[in-house]
Amino acid sequence: MQWSEYSTAERIKRLRGPMTQEQLAEAANVSVGVVRKLERGGTASLPSLLSIASALGTDIAVLLGQQAPRRAMDRDERAALRALSAATHDAAIGIPTDTEPGTVDELRGVVRRADTAY
């Protein structure tokens, strides 16, 4: 069976392996209910899916079946490759890799100033 033929619920179960739902929830900083809901075929917010993918050391495209996992690598190697990929993408578009995103209030201020300037 192709990776894309599995449901998101099945892909999460396979990726977490021996990790319990509680351990995954803690690692992803989401509620156990979110993990359970996903594993029963439910949906979750994009931030929750991103957190779960990160906790599993993979990319959201793998969770959604758009890309197969790199089976030859262990979780730490996949996480390192993902971090390297993110840093490379950010550097390629000119975002310094040590830059933290602004707070919500700071971002709202930027939007207001851009709107005023427009």
PDB file of N, CA and C in Angstrom:
ATOM      1  N   MET A   1       0.845  -1.180   0.000  1.00  0.00           N
ATOM      2  CA  MET A   1       0.000   0.000   0.000  1.00  0.00           C
ATOM      3  C   MET A   1       0.886   1.238   0.000  1.00  0.00           C
ATOM      4  N   GLN A   2       0.524   2.224  -0.814  1.00  0.00           N
ATOM      5  CA  GLN A   2       1.252   3.485  -0.882  1.00  0.00           C
ATOM      6  C   GLN A   2       0.947   4.338   0.342  1.00  0.00           C
ATOM      7  N   TRP A   3       1.903   5.157   0.750  1.00  0.00           N
ATOM      8  CA  TRP A   3       1.735   6.026   1.916  1.00  0.00           C
ATOM      9  C   TRP A   3       0.506   6.913   1.760  1.00  0.00           C
ATOM     10  N   SER A   4       0.277   7.424   0.567  1.00  0.00           N
ATOM     11  CA  SER A   4      -0.850   8.331   0.330  1.00  0.00           C
ATOM     12  C   SER A   4      -2.201   7.628   0.452  1.00  0.00           C
ATOM     13  N   GLU A   5      -2.226   6.315   0.398  1.00  0.00           N
ATOM     14  CA  GLU A   5      -3.472   5.563   0.503  1.00  0.00           C
ATOM     15  C   GLU A   5      -3.926   5.374   1.952  1.00  0.00           C
ATOM     16  N   TYR A   6      -3.023   5.580   2.897  1.00  0.00           N
ATOM     17  CA  TYR A   6      -3.405   5.513   4.308  1.00  0.00           C
ATOM     18  C   TYR A   6      -4.172   6.769   4.682  1.00  0.00           C
ATOM     19  N   SER A   7      -5.032   6.677   5.659  1.00  0.00           N
ATOM     20  CA  SER A   7      -5.709   7.870   6.167  1.00  0.00           C
ATOM     21  C   SER A   7      -4.725   8.642   7.057  1.00  0.00           C
ATOM     22  N   THR A   8      -5.058   9.892   7.329  1.00  0.00           N
ATOM     23  CA  THR A   8      -4.216  10.683   8.236  1.00  0.00           C
ATOM     24  C   THR A   8      -4.129   9.995   9.595  1.00  0.00           C
ATOM     25  N   ALA A   9      -5.249   9.418  10.055  1.00  0.00           N
ATOM     26  CA  ALA A   9      -5.257   8.701  11.335  1.00  0.00           C
ATOM     27  C   ALA A   9      -4.253   7.552  11.314  1.00  0.00           C
ATOM     28  N   GLU A  10      -4.245   6.779  10.238  1.00  0.00           N
ATOM     29  CA  GLU A  10      -3.319   5.643  10.139  1.00  0.00           C
ATOM     30  C   GLU A  10      -1.874   6.117  10.043  1.00  0.00           C
ATOM     31  N   ARG A  11      -1.657   7.218   9.314  1.00  0.00           N
ATOM     32  CA  ARG A  11      -0.276   7.726   9.184  1.00  0.00           C
ATOM     33  C   ARG A  11       0.260   8.187  10.540  1.00  0.00           C
ATOM     34  N   ILE A  12      -0.571   8.870  11.326  1.00  0.00           N
ATOM     35  CA  ILE A  12      -0.121   9.328  12.651  1.00  0.00           C
ATOM     36  C   ILE A  12       0.200   8.131  13.532  1.00  0.00           C
ATOM     37  N   LYS A  13      -0.656   7.134  13.536  1.00  0.00           N
ATOM     38  CA  LYS A  13      -0.414   5.933  14.349  1.00  0.00           C
ATOM     39  C   LYS A  13       0.893   5.264  13.951  1.00  0.00           C
ATOM     40  N   ARG A  14       1.139   5.150  12.662  1.00  0.00           N
ATOM     41  CA  ARG A  14       2.376   4.507  12.194  1.00  0.00           C
ATOM     42  C   ARG A  14       3.606   5.332  12.548  1.00  0.00           C
ATOM     43  N   LEU A  15       3.501   6.647  12.405  1.00  0.00           N
ATOM     44  CA  LEU A  15       4.647   7.516  12.694  1.00  0.00           C
ATOM     45  C   LEU A  15       4.981   7.564  14.175  1.00  0.00           C
ATOM     46  N   ARG A  16       3.985   7.487  15.028  1.00  0.00           N
ATOM     47  CA  ARG A  16       4.287   7.570  16.459  1.00  0.00           C
ATOM     48  C   ARG A  16       4.837   6.266  16.994  1.00  0.00           C
ATOM     49  N   GLY A  17       4.645   5.146  16.266  1.00  0.00           N
ATOM     50  CA  GLY A  17       5.223   3.864  16.672  1.00  0.00           C
ATOM     51  C   GLY A  17       4.896   3.516  18.112  1.00  0.00           C
ATOM     52  N   PRO A  18       5.922   3.238  18.923  1.00  0.00           N
ATOM     53  CA  PRO A  18       5.666   2.846  20.310  1.00  0.00           C
ATOM     54  C   PRO A  18       5.294   4.017  21.231  1.00  0.00           C
ATOM     55  N   MET A  19       5.383   5.229  20.730  1.00  0.00           N
ATOM     56  CA  MET A  19       5.030   6.406  21.530  1.00  0.00           C
ATOM     57  C   MET A  19       3.531   6.355  21.829  1.00  0.00           C
ATOM     58  N   THR A  20       3.160   6.638  23.062  1.00  0.00           N
ATOM     59  CA  THR A  20       1.736   6.657  23.418  1.00  0.00           C
ATOM     60  C   THR A  20       1.092   7.954  22.930  1.00  0.00           C
ATOM     61  N   GLN A  21      -0.216   7.971  22.900  1.00  0.00           N
ATOM     62  CA  GLN A  21      -0.929   9.192  22.543  1.00  0.00           C
ATOM     63  C   GLN A  21      -0.590  10.309  23.523  1.00  0.00           C
ATOM     64  N   GLU A  22      -0.483   9.957  24.790  1.00  0.00           N
ATOM     65  CA  GLU A  22      -0.151  10.950  25.815  1.00  0.00           C
ATOM     66  C   GLU A  22       1.239  11.528  25.594  1.00  0.00           C
ATOM     67  N   GLN A  23       2.203  10.671  25.259  1.00  0.00           N
ATOM     68  CA  GLN A  23       3.564  11.143  24.999  1.00  0.00           C
ATOM     69  C   GLN A  23       3.610  12.056  23.779  1.00  0.00           C
ATOM     70  N   LEU A  24       2.880  11.680  22.735  1.00  0.00           N
ATOM     71  CA  LEU A  24       2.837  12.516  21.540  1.00  0.00           C
ATOM     72  C   LEU A  24       2.200  13.865  21.862  1.00  0.00           C
ATOM     73  N   ALA A  25       1.097  13.850  22.587  1.00  0.00           N
ATOM     74  CA  ALA A  25       0.421  15.094  22.953  1.00  0.00           C
ATOM     75  C   ALA A  25       1.358  16.005  23.749  1.00  0.00           C
ATOM     76  N   GLU A  26       2.074  15.427  24.693  1.00  0.00           N
ATOM     77  CA  GLU A  26       3.009  16.221  25.502  1.00  0.00           C
ATOM     78  C   GLU A  26       4.135  16.779  24.644  1.00  0.00           C
ATOM     79  N   ALA A  27       4.698  15.938  23.775  1.00  0.00           N
ATOM     80  CA  ALA A  27       5.805  16.384  22.911  1.00  0.00           C
ATOM     81  C   ALA A  27       5.352  17.477  21.944  1.00  0.00           C
ATOM     82  N   ALA A  28       4.092  17.394  21.498  1.00  0.00           N
ATOM     83  CA  ALA A  28       3.558  18.366  20.537  1.00  0.00           C
ATOM     84  C   ALA A  28       2.916  19.570  21.217  1.00  0.00           C
ATOM     85  N   ASN A  29       2.798  19.509  22.536  1.00  0.00           N
ATOM     86  CA  ASN A  29       2.155  20.583  23.294  1.00  0.00           C
ATOM     87  C   ASN A  29       0.711  20.809  22.836  1.00  0.00           C
ATOM     88  N   VAL A  30       0.009  19.679  22.624  1.00  0.00           N
ATOM     89  CA  VAL A  30      -1.426  19.713  22.311  1.00  0.00           C
ATOM     90  C   VAL A  30      -2.120  18.811  23.320  1.00  0.00           C
ATOM     91  N   SER A  31      -3.427  18.871  23.373  1.00  0.00           N
ATOM     92  CA  SER A  31      -4.150  18.014  24.307  1.00  0.00           C
ATOM     93  C   SER A  31      -4.195  16.574  23.787  1.00  0.00           C
ATOM     94  N   VAL A  32      -4.335  15.640  24.706  1.00  0.00           N
ATOM     95  CA  VAL A  32      -4.480  14.237  24.329  1.00  0.00           C
ATOM     96  C   VAL A  32      -5.739  14.083  23.478  1.00  0.00           C
ATOM     97  N   GLY A  33      -6.744  14.887  23.759  1.00  0.00           N
ATOM     98  CA  GLY A  33      -7.975  14.850  22.988  1.00  0.00           C
ATOM     99  C   GLY A  33      -7.752  15.132  21.507  1.00  0.00           C
ATOM    100  N   VAL A  34      -6.833  16.045  21.201  1.00  0.00           N
ATOM    101  CA  VAL A  34      -6.522  16.360  19.802  1.00  0.00           C
ATOM    102  C   VAL A  34      -5.921  15.136  19.122  1.00  0.00           C
ATOM    103  N   VAL A  35      -4.975  14.492  19.790  1.00  0.00           N
ATOM    104  CA  VAL A  35      -4.341  13.303  19.219  1.00  0.00           C
ATOM    105  C   VAL A  35      -5.374  12.198  19.032  1.00  0.00           C
ATOM    106  N   ARG A  36      -6.190  11.971  20.041  1.00  0.00           N
ATOM    107  CA  ARG A  36      -7.221  10.925  19.951  1.00  0.00           C
ATOM    108  C   ARG A  36      -8.187  11.208  18.813  1.00  0.00           C
ATOM    109  N   LYS A  37      -8.608  12.465  18.711  1.00  0.00           N
ATOM    110  CA  LYS A  37      -9.546  12.856  17.660  1.00  0.00           C
ATOM    111  C   LYS A  37      -8.943  12.587  16.280  1.00  0.00           C
ATOM    112  N   LEU A  38      -7.687  12.965  16.089  1.00  0.00           N
ATOM    113  CA  LEU A  38      -7.023  12.727  14.807  1.00  0.00           C
ATOM    114  C   LEU A  38      -6.911  11.237  14.501  1.00  0.00           C
ATOM    115  N   GLU A  39      -6.592  10.460  15.523  1.00  0.00           N
ATOM    116  CA  GLU A  39      -6.421   9.023  15.309  1.00  0.00           C
ATOM    117  C   GLU A  39      -7.759   8.301  15.112  1.00  0.00           C
ATOM    118  N   ARG A  40      -8.861   8.984  15.383  1.00  0.00           N
ATOM    119  CA  ARG A  40     -10.190   8.428  15.101  1.00  0.00           C
ATOM    120  C   ARG A  40     -10.721   8.944  13.762  1.00  0.00           C
ATOM    121  N   GLY A  41      -9.913   9.736  13.049  1.00  0.00           N
ATOM    122  CA  GLY A  41     -10.323  10.228  11.743  1.00  0.00           C
ATOM    123  C   GLY A  41     -10.844  11.641  11.747  1.00  0.00           C
ATOM    124  N   GLY A  42     -10.746  12.331  12.888  1.00  0.00           N
ATOM    125  CA  GLY A  42     -11.213  13.704  12.982  1.00  0.00           C
ATOM    126  C   GLY A  42     -10.200  14.687  12.412  1.00  0.00           C
ATOM    127  N   THR A  43     -10.512  15.944  12.591  1.00  0.00           N
ATOM    128  CA  THR A  43      -9.648  17.008  12.086  1.00  0.00           C
ATOM    129  C   THR A  43      -9.049  17.801  13.246  1.00  0.00           C
ATOM    130  N   ALA A  44      -8.050  18.601  12.911  1.00  0.00           N
ATOM    131  CA  ALA A  44      -7.414  19.484  13.896  1.00  0.00           C
ATOM    132  C   ALA A  44      -6.964  20.741  13.172  1.00  0.00           C
ATOM    133  N   SER A  45      -6.638  21.748  13.941  1.00  0.00           N
ATOM    134  CA  SER A  45      -6.178  23.010  13.360  1.00  0.00           C
ATOM    135  C   SER A  45      -4.796  22.828  12.738  1.00  0.00           C
ATOM    136  N   LEU A  46      -4.464  23.718  11.831  1.00  0.00           N
ATOM    137  CA  LEU A  46      -3.151  23.679  11.195  1.00  0.00           C
ATOM    138  C   LEU A  46      -2.019  23.789  12.225  1.00  0.00           C
ATOM    139  N   PRO A  47      -2.106  24.714  13.203  1.00  0.00           N
ATOM    140  CA  PRO A  47      -1.038  24.775  14.215  1.00  0.00           C
ATOM    141  C   PRO A  47      -0.866  23.451  14.971  1.00  0.00           C
ATOM    142  N   SER A  48      -1.979  22.767  15.271  1.00  0.00           N
ATOM    143  CA  SER A  48      -1.881  21.472  15.960  1.00  0.00           C
ATOM    144  C   SER A  48      -1.205  20.440  15.072  1.00  0.00           C
ATOM    145  N   LEU A  49      -1.575  20.414  13.794  1.00  0.00           N
ATOM    146  CA  LEU A  49      -0.949  19.464  12.863  1.00  0.00           C
ATOM    147  C   LEU A  49       0.548  19.746  12.713  1.00  0.00           C
ATOM    148  N   LEU A  50       0.900  21.017  12.642  1.00  0.00           N
ATOM    149  CA  LEU A  50       2.321  21.379  12.543  1.00  0.00           C
ATOM    150  C   LEU A  50       3.083  20.940  13.790  1.00  0.00           C
ATOM    151  N   SER A  51       2.482  21.137  14.954  1.00  0.00           N
ATOM    152  CA  SER A  51       3.121  20.730  16.210  1.00  0.00           C
ATOM    153  C   SER A  51       3.287  19.219  16.280  1.00  0.00           C
ATOM    154  N   ILE A  52       2.279  18.497  15.852  1.00  0.00           N
ATOM    155  CA  ILE A  52       2.349  17.037  15.875  1.00  0.00           C
ATOM    156  C   ILE A  52       3.409  16.543  14.894  1.00  0.00           C
ATOM    157  N   ALA A  53       3.440  17.138  13.707  1.00  0.00           N
ATOM    158  CA  ALA A  53       4.468  16.748  12.733  1.00  0.00           C
ATOM    159  C   ALA A  53       5.859  16.992  13.301  1.00  0.00           C
ATOM    160  N   SER A  54       6.042  18.138  13.932  1.00  0.00           N
ATOM    161  CA  SER A  54       7.338  18.456  14.529  1.00  0.00           C
ATOM    162  C   SER A  54       7.700  17.461  15.623  1.00  0.00           C
ATOM    163  N   ALA A  55       6.729  17.123  16.478  1.00  0.00           N
ATOM    164  CA  ALA A  55       6.989  16.167  17.560  1.00  0.00           C
ATOM    165  C   ALA A  55       7.337  14.789  17.013  1.00  0.00           C
ATOM    166  N   LEU A  56       6.818  14.472  15.848  1.00  0.00           N
ATOM    167  CA  LEU A  56       7.117  13.176  15.220  1.00  0.00           C
ATOM    168  C   LEU A  56       8.398  13.241  14.382  1.00  0.00           C
ATOM    169  N   GLY A  57       8.999  14.426  14.305  1.00  0.00           N
ATOM    170  CA  GLY A  57      10.242  14.581  13.552  1.00  0.00           C
ATOM    171  C   GLY A  57      10.026  14.457  12.057  1.00  0.00           C
ATOM    172  N   THR A  58       8.880  14.939  11.595  1.00  0.00           N
ATOM    173  CA  THR A  58       8.572  14.836  10.171  1.00  0.00           C
ATOM    174  C   THR A  58       7.949  16.133   9.700  1.00  0.00           C
ATOM    175  N   ASP A  59       7.515  16.145   8.474  1.00  0.00           N
ATOM    176  CA  ASP A  59       6.910  17.317   7.879  1.00  0.00           C
ATOM    177  C   ASP A  59       5.409  17.119   7.777  1.00  0.00           C
ATOM    178  N   ILE A  60       4.668  18.197   7.754  1.00  0.00           N
ATOM    179  CA  ILE A  60       3.213  18.090   7.660  1.00  0.00           C
ATOM    180  C   ILE A  60       2.793  17.390   6.363  1.00  0.00           C
ATOM    181  N   ALA A  61       3.596  17.523   5.311  1.00  0.00           N
ATOM    182  CA  ALA A  61       3.282  16.840   4.047  1.00  0.00           C
ATOM    183  C   ALA A  61       3.257  15.330   4.229  1.00  0.00           C
ATOM    184  N   VAL A  62       4.065  14.829   5.148  1.00  0.00           N
ATOM    185  CA  VAL A  62       4.068  13.387   5.440  1.00  0.00           C
ATOM    186  C   VAL A  62       2.786  13.018   6.173  1.00  0.00           C
ATOM    187  N   LEU A  63       2.376  13.843   7.142  1.00  0.00           N
ATOM    188  CA  LEU A  63       1.124  13.571   7.863  1.00  0.00           C
ATOM    189  C   LEU A  63      -0.064  13.535   6.920  1.00  0.00           C
ATOM    190  N   LEU A  64      -0.067  14.425   5.939  1.00  0.00           N
ATOM    191  CA  LEU A  64      -1.195  14.540   5.034  1.00  0.00           C
ATOM    192  C   LEU A  64      -1.106  13.600   3.830  1.00  0.00           C
ATOM    193  N   GLY A  65      -0.039  12.811   3.767  1.00  0.00           N
ATOM    194  CA  GLY A  65       0.095  11.821   2.701  1.00  0.00           C
ATOM    195  C   GLY A  65       0.599  12.359   1.385  1.00  0.00           C
ATOM    196  N   GLN A  66       1.074  13.590   1.383  1.00  0.00           N
ATOM    197  CA  GLN A  66       1.579  14.193   0.154  1.00  0.00           C
ATOM    198  C   GLN A  66       3.023  13.779  -0.119  1.00  0.00           C
ATOM    199  N   GLN A  67       3.674  13.234   0.885  1.00  0.00           N
ATOM    200  CA  GLN A  67       5.067  12.820   0.779  1.00  0.00           C
ATOM    201  C   GLN A  67       5.244  11.616   1.696  1.00  0.00           C
ATOM    202  N   ALA A  68       5.990  10.635   1.245  1.00  0.00           N
ATOM    203  CA  ALA A  68       6.240   9.458   2.073  1.00  0.00           C
ATOM    204  C   ALA A  68       7.350   9.774   3.077  1.00  0.00           C
ATOM    205  N   PRO A  69       7.312   9.152   4.246  1.00  0.00           N
ATOM    206  CA  PRO A  69       8.383   9.383   5.226  1.00  0.00           C
ATOM    207  C   PRO A  69       9.686   8.768   4.758  1.00  0.00           C
ATOM    208  N   ARG A  70      10.750   9.286   5.271  1.00  0.00           N
ATOM    209  CA  ARG A  70      12.075   8.741   4.969  1.00  0.00           C
ATOM    210  C   ARG A  70      12.335   7.614   5.957  1.00  0.00           C
ATOM    211  N   ARG A  71      11.989   6.427   5.565  1.00  0.00           N
ATOM    212  CA  ARG A  71      12.031   5.269   6.462  1.00  0.00           C
ATOM    213  C   ARG A  71      13.440   4.886   6.895  1.00  0.00           C
ATOM    214  N   ALA A  72      14.423   5.170   6.078  1.00  0.00           N
ATOM    215  CA  ALA A  72      15.783   4.759   6.412  1.00  0.00           C
ATOM    216  C   ALA A  72      16.377   5.605   7.536  1.00  0.00           C
ATOM    217  N   MET A  73      15.720   6.703   7.862  1.00  0.00           N
ATOM    218  CA  MET A  73      16.229   7.592   8.905  1.00  0.00           C
ATOM    219  C   MET A  73      15.450   7.399  10.189  1.00  0.00           C
ATOM    220  N   ASP A  74      16.136   7.571  11.314  1.00  0.00           N
ATOM    221  CA  ASP A  74      15.399   7.532  12.573  1.00  0.00           C
ATOM    222  C   ASP A  74      14.813   8.923  12.836  1.00  0.00           C
ATOM    223  N   ARG A  75      14.019   9.032  13.870  1.00  0.00           N
ATOM    224  CA  ARG A  75      13.300  10.275  14.163  1.00  0.00           C
ATOM    225  C   ARG A  75      14.242  11.459  14.331  1.00  0.00           C
ATOM    226  N   ASP A  76      15.359  11.287  15.041  1.00  0.00           N
ATOM    227  CA  ASP A  76      16.291  12.392  15.259  1.00  0.00           C
ATOM    228  C   ASP A  76      16.927  12.856  13.955  1.00  0.00           C
ATOM    229  N   GLU A  77      17.249  11.901  13.069  1.00  0.00           N
ATOM    230  CA  GLU A  77      17.826  12.274  11.778  1.00  0.00           C
ATOM    231  C   GLU A  77      16.810  13.039  10.932  1.00  0.00           C
ATOM    232  N   ARG A  78      15.546  12.599  10.948  1.00  0.00           N
ATOM    233  CA  ARG A  78      14.503  13.304  10.197  1.00  0.00           C
ATOM    234  C   ARG A  78      14.314  14.708  10.754  1.00  0.00           C
ATOM    235  N   ALA A  79      14.338  14.841  12.080  1.00  0.00           N
ATOM    236  CA  ALA A  79      14.172  16.155  12.705  1.00  0.00           C
ATOM    237  C   ALA A  79      15.330  17.076  12.329  1.00  0.00           C
ATOM    238  N   ALA A  80      16.557  16.547  12.318  1.00  0.00           N
ATOM    239  CA  ALA A  80      17.721  17.351  11.948  1.00  0.00           C
ATOM    240  C   ALA A  80      17.626  17.789  10.488  1.00  0.00           C
ATOM    241  N   LEU A  81      17.213  16.885   9.617  1.00  0.00           N
ATOM    242  CA  LEU A  81      17.066  17.219   8.209  1.00  0.00           C
ATOM    243  C   LEU A  81      15.984  18.278   8.016  1.00  0.00           C
ATOM    244  N   ARG A  82      14.892  18.152   8.773  1.00  0.00           N
ATOM    245  CA  ARG A  82      13.800  19.129   8.682  1.00  0.00           C
ATOM    246  C   ARG A  82      14.270  20.505   9.142  1.00  0.00           C
ATOM    247  N   ALA A  83      15.034  20.552  10.239  1.00  0.00           N
ATOM    248  CA  ALA A  83      15.555  21.833  10.740  1.00  0.00           C
ATOM    249  C   ALA A  83      16.511  22.457   9.734  1.00  0.00           C
ATOM    250  N   LEU A  84      17.356  21.633   9.132  1.00  0.00           N
ATOM    251  CA  LEU A  84      18.283  22.118   8.118  1.00  0.00           C
ATOM    252  C   LEU A  84      17.519  22.656   6.911  1.00  0.00           C
ATOM    253  N   SER A  85      16.488  21.944   6.508  1.00  0.00           N
ATOM    254  CA  SER A  85      15.670  22.371   5.370  1.00  0.00           C
ATOM    255  C   SER A  85      14.999  23.710   5.660  1.00  0.00           C
ATOM    256  N   ALA A  86      14.422  23.859   6.855  1.00  0.00           N
ATOM    257  CA  ALA A  86      13.758  25.114   7.218  1.00  0.00           C
ATOM    258  C   ALA A  86      14.745  26.274   7.236  1.00  0.00           C
ATOM    259  N   ALA A  87      15.933  26.052   7.796  1.00  0.00           N
ATOM    260  CA  ALA A  87      16.946  27.109   7.846  1.00  0.00           C
ATOM    261  C   ALA A  87      17.403  27.485   6.438  1.00  0.00           C
ATOM    262  N   THR A  88      17.534  26.490   5.580  1.00  0.00           N
ATOM    263  CA  THR A  88      17.954  26.738   4.198  1.00  0.00           C
ATOM    264  C   THR A  88      16.899  27.554   3.463  1.00  0.00           C
ATOM    265  N   HIS A  89      15.633  27.176   3.629  1.00  0.00           N
ATOM    266  CA  HIS A  89      14.558  27.922   2.974  1.00  0.00           C
ATOM    267  C   HIS A  89      14.502  29.353   3.478  1.00  0.00           C
ATOM    268  N   ASP A  90      14.598  29.540   4.798  1.00  0.00           N
ATOM    269  CA  ASP A  90      14.550  30.885   5.361  1.00  0.00           C
ATOM    270  C   ASP A  90      15.727  31.725   4.866  1.00  0.00           C
ATOM    271  N   ALA A  91      16.919  31.139   4.853  1.00  0.00           N
ATOM    272  CA  ALA A  91      18.103  31.865   4.398  1.00  0.00           C
ATOM    273  C   ALA A  91      17.983  32.212   2.917  1.00  0.00           C
ATOM    274  N   ALA A  92      17.386  31.313   2.135  1.00  0.00           N
ATOM    275  CA  ALA A  92      17.258  31.540   0.696  1.00  0.00           C
ATOM    276  C   ALA A  92      16.363  32.729   0.383  1.00  0.00           C
ATOM    277  N   ILE A  93      15.394  33.003   1.250  1.00  0.00           N
ATOM    278  CA  ILE A  93      14.513  34.150   0.997  1.00  0.00           C
ATOM    279  C   ILE A  93      14.909  35.366   1.831  1.00  0.00           C
ATOM    280  N   GLY A  94      16.063  35.272   2.492  1.00  0.00           N
ATOM    281  CA  GLY A  94      16.606  36.427   3.196  1.00  0.00           C
ATOM    282  C   GLY A  94      16.170  36.607   4.628  1.00  0.00           C
ATOM    283  N   ILE A  95      15.561  35.594   5.231  1.00  0.00           N
ATOM    284  CA  ILE A  95      15.167  35.693   6.639  1.00  0.00           C
ATOM    285  C   ILE A  95      16.318  35.177   7.494  1.00  0.00           C
ATOM    286  N   PRO A  96      16.873  36.004   8.366  1.00  0.00           N
ATOM    287  CA  PRO A  96      17.936  35.504   9.241  1.00  0.00           C
ATOM    288  C   PRO A  96      17.406  34.343  10.090  1.00  0.00           C
ATOM    289  N   THR A  97      18.196  33.295  10.223  1.00  0.00           N
ATOM    290  CA  THR A  97      17.738  32.103  10.930  1.00  0.00           C
ATOM    291  C   THR A  97      17.633  32.302  12.434  1.00  0.00           C
ATOM    292  N   ASP A  98      18.215  33.371  12.954  1.00  0.00           N
ATOM    293  CA  ASP A  98      18.131  33.603  14.394  1.00  0.00           C
ATOM    294  C   ASP A  98      17.052  34.623  14.749  1.00  0.00           C
ATOM    295  N   THR A  99      16.214  34.985  13.784  1.00  0.00           N
ATOM    296  CA  THR A  99      15.151  35.965  14.003  1.00  0.00           C
ATOM    297  C   THR A  99      13.911  35.286  14.549  1.00  0.00           C
ATOM    298  N   GLU A 100      13.386  35.825  15.630  1.00  0.00           N
ATOM    299  CA  GLU A 100      12.144  35.322  16.208  1.00  0.00           C
ATOM    300  C   GLU A 100      10.979  36.131  15.650  1.00  0.00           C
ATOM    301  N   PRO A 101       9.828  35.493  15.453  1.00  0.00           N
ATOM    302  CA  PRO A 101       8.674  36.268  14.985  1.00  0.00           C
ATOM    303  C   PRO A 101       8.235  37.263  16.050  1.00  0.00           C
ATOM    304  N   GLY A 102       7.626  38.320  15.618  1.00  0.00           N
ATOM    305  CA  GLY A 102       7.148  39.332  16.552  1.00  0.00           C
ATOM    306  C   GLY A 102       5.942  38.849  17.335  1.00  0.00           C
ATOM    307  N   THR A 103       5.586  39.623  18.341  1.00  0.00           N
ATOM    308  CA  THR A 103       4.386  39.309  19.108  1.00  0.00           C
ATOM    309  C   THR A 103       3.165  39.667  18.263  1.00  0.00           C
ATOM    310  N   VAL A 104       2.010  39.210  18.683  1.00  0.00           N
ATOM    311  CA  VAL A 104       0.773  39.523  17.963  1.00  0.00           C
ATOM    312  C   VAL A 104       0.553  41.032  17.926  1.00  0.00           C
ATOM    313  N   ASP A 105       0.796  41.704  19.040  1.00  0.00           N
ATOM    314  CA  ASP A 105       0.619  43.159  19.076  1.00  0.00           C
ATOM    315  C   ASP A 105       1.587  43.861  18.117  1.00  0.00           C
ATOM    316  N   GLU A 106       2.835  43.396  18.071  1.00  0.00           N
ATOM    317  CA  GLU A 106       3.808  43.989  17.149  1.00  0.00           C
ATOM    318  C   GLU A 106       3.376  43.770  15.696  1.00  0.00           C
ATOM    319  N   LEU A 107       2.890  42.579  15.396  1.00  0.00           N
ATOM    320  CA  LEU A 107       2.452  42.285  14.035  1.00  0.00           C
ATOM    321  C   LEU A 107       1.217  43.098  13.653  1.00  0.00           C
ATOM    322  N   ARG A 108       0.312  43.283  14.609  1.00  0.00           N
ATOM    323  CA  ARG A 108      -0.854  44.134  14.348  1.00  0.00           C
ATOM    324  C   ARG A 108      -0.421  45.573  14.044  1.00  0.00           C
ATOM    325  N   GLY A 109       0.572  46.045  14.780  1.00  0.00           N
ATOM    326  CA  GLY A 109       1.093  47.388  14.535  1.00  0.00           C
ATOM    327  C   GLY A 109       1.701  47.513  13.143  1.00  0.00           C
ATOM    328  N   VAL A 110       2.400  46.501  12.716  1.00  0.00           N
ATOM    329  CA  VAL A 110       2.992  46.506  11.372  1.00  0.00           C
ATOM    330  C   VAL A 110       1.886  46.545  10.321  1.00  0.00           C
ATOM    331  N   VAL A 111       0.846  45.738  10.535  1.00  0.00           N
ATOM    332  CA  VAL A 111      -0.275  45.727   9.589  1.00  0.00           C
ATOM    333  C   VAL A 111      -0.950  47.094   9.536  1.00  0.00           C
ATOM    334  N   ARG A 112      -1.157  47.708  10.699  1.00  0.00           N
ATOM    335  CA  ARG A 112      -1.779  49.045  10.730  1.00  0.00           C
ATOM    336  C   ARG A 112      -0.920  50.060   9.969  1.00  0.00           C
ATOM    337  N   ARG A 113       0.395  50.027  10.205  1.00  0.00           N
ATOM    338  CA  ARG A 113       1.278  50.972   9.508  1.00  0.00           C
ATOM    339  C   ARG A 113       1.279  50.717   8.010  1.00  0.00           C
ATOM    340  N   ALA A 114       1.271  49.464   7.599  1.00  0.00           N
ATOM    341  CA  ALA A 114       1.236  49.145   6.168  1.00  0.00           C
ATOM    342  C   ALA A 114      -0.080  49.597   5.547  1.00  0.00           C
ATOM    343  N   ASP A 115      -1.178  49.406   6.266  1.00  0.00           N
ATOM    344  CA  ASP A 115      -2.485  49.827   5.779  1.00  0.00           C
ATOM    345  C   ASP A 115      -2.544  51.345   5.651  1.00  0.00           C
ATOM    346  N   THR A 116      -1.987  52.051   6.639  1.00  0.00           N
ATOM    347  CA  THR A 116      -1.962  53.508   6.596  1.00  0.00           C
ATOM    348  C   THR A 116      -1.118  53.989   5.418  1.00  0.00           C
ATOM    349  N   ALA A 117       0.020  53.358   5.222  1.00  0.00           N
ATOM    350  CA  ALA A 117       0.905  53.735   4.128  1.00  0.00           C
ATOM    351  C   ALA A 117       0.262  53.452   2.774  1.00  0.00           C
ATOM    352  N   TYR A 118      -0.536  52.418   2.712  1.00  0.00           N
ATOM    353  CA  TYR A 118      -1.219  52.062   1.458  1.00  0.00           C
ATOM    354  C   TYR A 118      -2.253  53.117   1.111  1.00  0.00           C
TER     355      TYR A 118
END
